Amino acid sequence: MNHVARLIILNYTKIKDSALVIHTLSREWGRRSFIVHLGKGTSLAMFQPLGIVEADITENPKSELWRAARFTQVWPLMSLRTDPYKNSIVLFMSEVLYRGVRDGMAEEGLYEWCERSILTLDALEKDFSNFHLRWLLELATEMGFAPSAEDLAPFAGERLRDVQTLLGASFEQAMLLPLSGERRSQLCDIFIRYLSHHTETTLDIRSLRVLQELF
């Protein structure tokens, strides 16, 4: 059976010169991986983190690894690719989704929220240094465990007041909160530990170091 589906690329694993496995998020299958056979006209630029593409999906009755082909870029996302600060946030977001969302997990509305988040970050021209903090809180909600100040208190320590402020802020207010790099890093660590606790997964986010250096 064949499908045309929209996919958010999380990352990919090259298995040989002519093939790779892409790890994706979709409306239909949630977190799922597909095999891609690379032709002469296939560019790896199509598979950049958080790229939004449409592809032909061919089911394989003998394997859970279905085939994806004939990719079309849905949105150019130019600022995400050219702005090094946004690009560091993109790498962080894609890694959190890859490590935090279980294979086969298909929370209702998760794909739509992710796509809106990507397009929002791409559209922002300034004041996005706190974007990943707000995004982590929203991700927890989309995954089914909306955080409250009481839930986060065991993880927050001396940053509980900052946590409460972020929870009570609108998106616009959250983007304008005056946070130092150290406080921002501490809050990010709090939210990742909260996500790790609820997903029962140790989220060792390697891209976090780059994000902390830039913000």
Protein backbone atom coordinates (compact mmCIF):
# COMPACT_ATOMS: atom_id res chain seq x y z
CA MET A 1 0.00 0.00 0.00
CA ASN A 2 1.24 3.50 -0.88
CA HIS A 3 0.64 6.80 0.91
CA VAL A 4 1.58 10.43 0.46
CA ALA A 5 2.52 11.84 3.87
CA ARG A 6 4.01 14.95 5.39
CA LEU A 7 7.06 14.26 7.57
CA ILE A 8 9.17 16.28 9.99
CA ILE A 9 12.77 15.11 9.73
CA LEU A 10 14.44 14.55 13.11
CA ASN A 11 17.73 13.15 11.82
CA TYR A 12 19.06 10.38 9.63
CA THR A 13 21.46 7.44 9.76
CA LYS A 14 23.50 6.66 6.66
CA ILE A 15 23.68 2.89 6.23
CA LYS A 16 25.58 2.83 2.94
CA ASP A 17 26.48 5.20 0.11
CA SER A 18 23.20 4.60 -1.66
CA ALA A 19 20.81 4.43 1.30
CA LEU A 20 19.95 5.99 4.63
CA VAL A 21 17.33 5.69 7.33
CA ILE A 22 15.43 8.85 8.17
CA HIS A 23 13.90 9.29 11.61
CA THR A 24 10.71 11.31 11.40
CA LEU A 25 7.54 12.54 13.03
CA SER A 26 4.27 12.38 11.13
CA ARG A 27 0.56 12.82 11.70
CA GLU A 28 -0.20 9.28 10.55
CA TRP A 29 2.47 7.22 12.37
CA GLY A 30 3.95 9.48 15.02
CA ARG A 31 7.64 8.80 15.51
CA ARG A 32 8.76 6.38 12.76
CA SER A 33 11.81 5.59 10.65
CA PHE A 34 11.90 4.96 6.90
CA ILE A 35 14.55 3.70 4.50
CA VAL A 36 15.51 6.01 1.63
CA HIS A 37 17.40 4.87 -1.46
CA LEU A 38 19.52 7.73 -2.74
CA GLY A 39 19.41 8.47 -6.44
CA LYS A 40 21.60 10.83 -8.41
CA GLY A 41 19.21 13.72 -7.87
CA THR A 42 18.69 13.17 -4.14
CA SER A 43 20.30 15.86 -1.98
CA LEU A 44 21.04 15.26 1.69
CA ALA A 45 19.96 18.88 2.24
CA MET A 46 16.41 17.54 2.00
CA PHE A 47 16.95 15.74 5.31
CA GLN A 48 18.14 18.58 7.54
CA PRO A 49 16.81 18.55 11.12
CA LEU A 50 13.20 19.76 11.42
CA GLY A 51 12.79 19.96 7.66
CA ILE A 52 9.15 19.54 6.65
CA VAL A 53 8.72 17.37 3.54
CA GLU A 54 6.12 15.41 1.66
CA ALA A 55 7.05 11.92 0.53
CA ASP A 56 5.63 8.80 -1.06
CA ILE A 57 5.52 6.04 1.56
CA THR A 58 5.46 2.38 0.48
CA GLU A 59 4.48 -0.15 3.12
CA ASN A 60 6.54 -3.32 3.40
CA PRO A 61 4.51 -6.27 4.74
CA LYS A 62 7.74 -8.14 5.57
CA SER A 63 9.40 -5.32 7.54
CA GLU A 64 8.56 -2.48 9.88
CA LEU A 65 11.03 -0.33 7.93
CA TRP A 66 8.94 1.08 5.12
CA ARG A 67 10.32 2.96 2.13
CA ALA A 68 10.10 6.73 1.59
CA ALA A 69 10.79 8.32 -1.80
CA ARG A 70 10.02 11.30 -4.06
CA PHE A 71 10.58 14.04 -1.50
CA THR A 72 9.22 17.55 -1.84
CA GLN A 73 10.14 20.37 0.53
CA VAL A 74 6.99 21.92 1.99
CA TRP A 75 8.58 25.03 3.56
CA PRO A 76 12.01 26.55 2.77
CA LEU A 77 12.70 27.55 6.43
CA MET A 78 15.45 29.90 5.28
CA SER A 79 16.10 31.65 8.59
CA LEU A 80 16.47 28.33 10.42
CA ARG A 81 19.25 27.36 8.02
CA THR A 82 21.09 30.68 7.82
CA ASP A 83 20.90 31.97 11.39
CA PRO A 84 23.43 30.11 13.60
CA TYR A 85 21.44 30.90 16.76
CA LYS A 86 18.20 29.52 15.35
CA ASN A 87 20.08 26.56 13.91
CA SER A 88 21.38 25.66 17.38
CA ILE A 89 17.79 25.72 18.69
CA VAL A 90 16.70 23.52 15.77
CA LEU A 91 19.38 20.93 16.54
CA PHE A 92 18.31 20.94 20.18
CA MET A 93 14.60 20.56 19.37
CA SER A 94 15.17 17.74 16.88
CA GLU A 95 17.38 15.84 19.34
CA VAL A 96 14.85 16.19 22.18
CA LEU A 97 12.10 14.86 19.89
CA TYR A 98 14.30 12.03 18.63
CA ARG A 99 15.33 10.90 22.11
CA GLY A 100 12.17 11.80 24.01
CA VAL A 101 9.37 10.56 21.72
CA ARG A 102 9.24 6.77 21.62
CA ASP A 103 9.27 4.99 18.27
CA GLY A 104 5.65 4.38 17.27
CA MET A 105 4.31 6.99 19.68
CA ALA A 106 1.54 9.01 18.03
CA GLU A 107 0.09 11.51 20.49
CA GLU A 108 -2.89 13.25 18.92
CA GLY A 109 -1.97 16.78 17.86
CA LEU A 110 1.79 16.34 18.44
CA TYR A 111 2.69 16.60 14.76
CA GLU A 112 0.54 19.70 14.19
CA TRP A 113 2.04 21.41 17.24
CA CYS A 114 5.58 20.59 16.12
CA GLU A 115 4.95 22.02 12.67
CA ARG A 116 3.51 25.23 14.13
CA SER A 117 6.52 25.52 16.46
CA ILE A 118 8.96 25.16 13.58
CA LEU A 119 7.18 27.77 11.48
CA THR A 120 6.94 30.14 14.46
CA LEU A 121 10.68 29.97 15.13
CA ASP A 122 11.41 30.49 11.44
CA ALA A 123 9.20 33.60 11.39
CA LEU A 124 10.62 35.26 14.52
CA GLU A 125 13.00 38.08 13.65
CA LYS A 126 14.25 38.77 17.19
CA ASP A 127 13.72 37.96 20.88
CA PHE A 128 13.87 34.17 20.52
CA SER A 129 16.55 33.38 23.12
CA ASN A 130 13.92 31.85 25.43
CA PHE A 131 12.14 29.95 22.66
CA HIS A 132 13.50 26.52 23.61
CA LEU A 133 12.40 26.98 27.24
CA ARG A 134 8.81 27.73 26.29
CA TRP A 135 8.98 24.93 23.71
CA LEU A 136 10.01 22.34 26.34
CA LEU A 137 7.05 23.27 28.54
CA GLU A 138 4.66 23.02 25.60
CA LEU A 139 6.20 19.69 24.54
CA ALA A 140 5.45 18.22 27.97
CA THR A 141 1.82 19.31 27.57
CA GLU A 142 1.58 17.80 24.08
CA MET A 143 3.00 14.52 25.37
CA GLY A 144 0.27 14.32 27.99
CA PHE A 145 1.82 15.55 31.24
CA ALA A 146 1.18 19.28 31.39
CA PRO A 147 3.51 20.70 34.05
CA SER A 148 2.39 22.83 36.96
CA ALA A 149 4.59 24.72 39.41
CA GLU A 150 3.91 21.97 41.94
CA ASP A 151 5.01 19.28 39.45
CA LEU A 152 8.22 21.13 38.63
CA ALA A 153 9.10 22.14 42.20
CA PRO A 154 11.12 18.96 42.97
CA PHE A 155 13.32 19.71 39.95
CA ALA A 156 13.46 23.51 40.22
CA GLY A 157 15.44 24.22 43.39
CA GLU A 158 16.37 27.90 43.64
CA ARG A 159 14.88 28.55 40.18
CA LEU A 160 11.29 27.86 41.24
CA ARG A 161 10.30 31.52 40.93
CA ASP A 162 11.66 31.66 37.36
CA VAL A 163 9.76 28.46 36.59
CA GLN A 164 6.54 29.96 37.96
CA THR A 165 7.07 33.10 35.91
CA LEU A 166 7.53 31.10 32.70
CA LEU A 167 4.47 28.97 33.41
CA GLY A 168 2.30 32.05 33.94
CA ALA A 169 3.60 33.99 30.93
CA SER A 170 2.04 34.26 27.51
CA PHE A 171 4.24 33.32 24.56
CA GLU A 172 5.09 36.96 23.90
CA GLN A 173 5.90 37.58 27.57
CA ALA A 174 8.04 34.44 27.76
CA MET A 175 10.14 35.60 24.79
CA LEU A 176 10.87 38.91 26.54
CA LEU A 177 11.79 37.60 29.99
CA PRO A 178 15.25 38.99 30.89
CA LEU A 179 17.24 35.84 31.70
CA SER A 180 20.99 35.54 31.98
CA GLY A 181 22.71 32.71 30.14
CA GLU A 182 23.28 30.87 33.41
CA ARG A 183 19.62 31.08 34.48
CA ARG A 184 18.50 30.03 31.01
CA SER A 185 20.79 26.98 31.14
CA GLN A 186 19.55 26.04 34.60
CA LEU A 187 15.91 26.29 33.52
CA CYS A 188 16.61 24.19 30.44
CA ASP A 189 18.19 21.53 32.61
CA ILE A 190 15.18 21.57 34.96
CA PHE A 191 12.73 21.01 32.11
CA ILE A 192 14.83 18.25 30.53
CA ARG A 193 15.03 16.41 33.86
CA TYR A 194 11.25 16.78 34.20
CA LEU A 195 10.76 15.30 30.71
CA SER A 196 13.23 12.50 31.48
CA HIS A 197 11.29 11.63 34.63
CA HIS A 198 7.95 11.38 32.84
CA THR A 199 9.23 9.58 29.73
CA GLU A 200 11.31 7.24 31.88
CA THR A 201 14.23 7.97 29.56
CA THR A 202 17.58 9.56 30.30
CA LEU A 203 17.62 12.50 27.89
CA ASP A 204 21.31 13.03 27.29
CA ILE A 205 20.99 15.94 24.85
CA ARG A 206 24.38 16.42 23.21
CA SER A 207 23.40 19.59 21.35
CA LEU A 208 22.60 21.29 24.66
CA ARG A 209 26.23 22.34 25.17
CA VAL A 210 26.25 24.35 21.92
CA LEU A 211 22.94 25.94 22.84
CA GLN A 212 24.29 26.97 26.24
CA GLU A 213 27.39 28.50 24.68
CA LEU A 214 25.34 30.64 22.29
CA PHE A 215 22.63 31.68 24.74
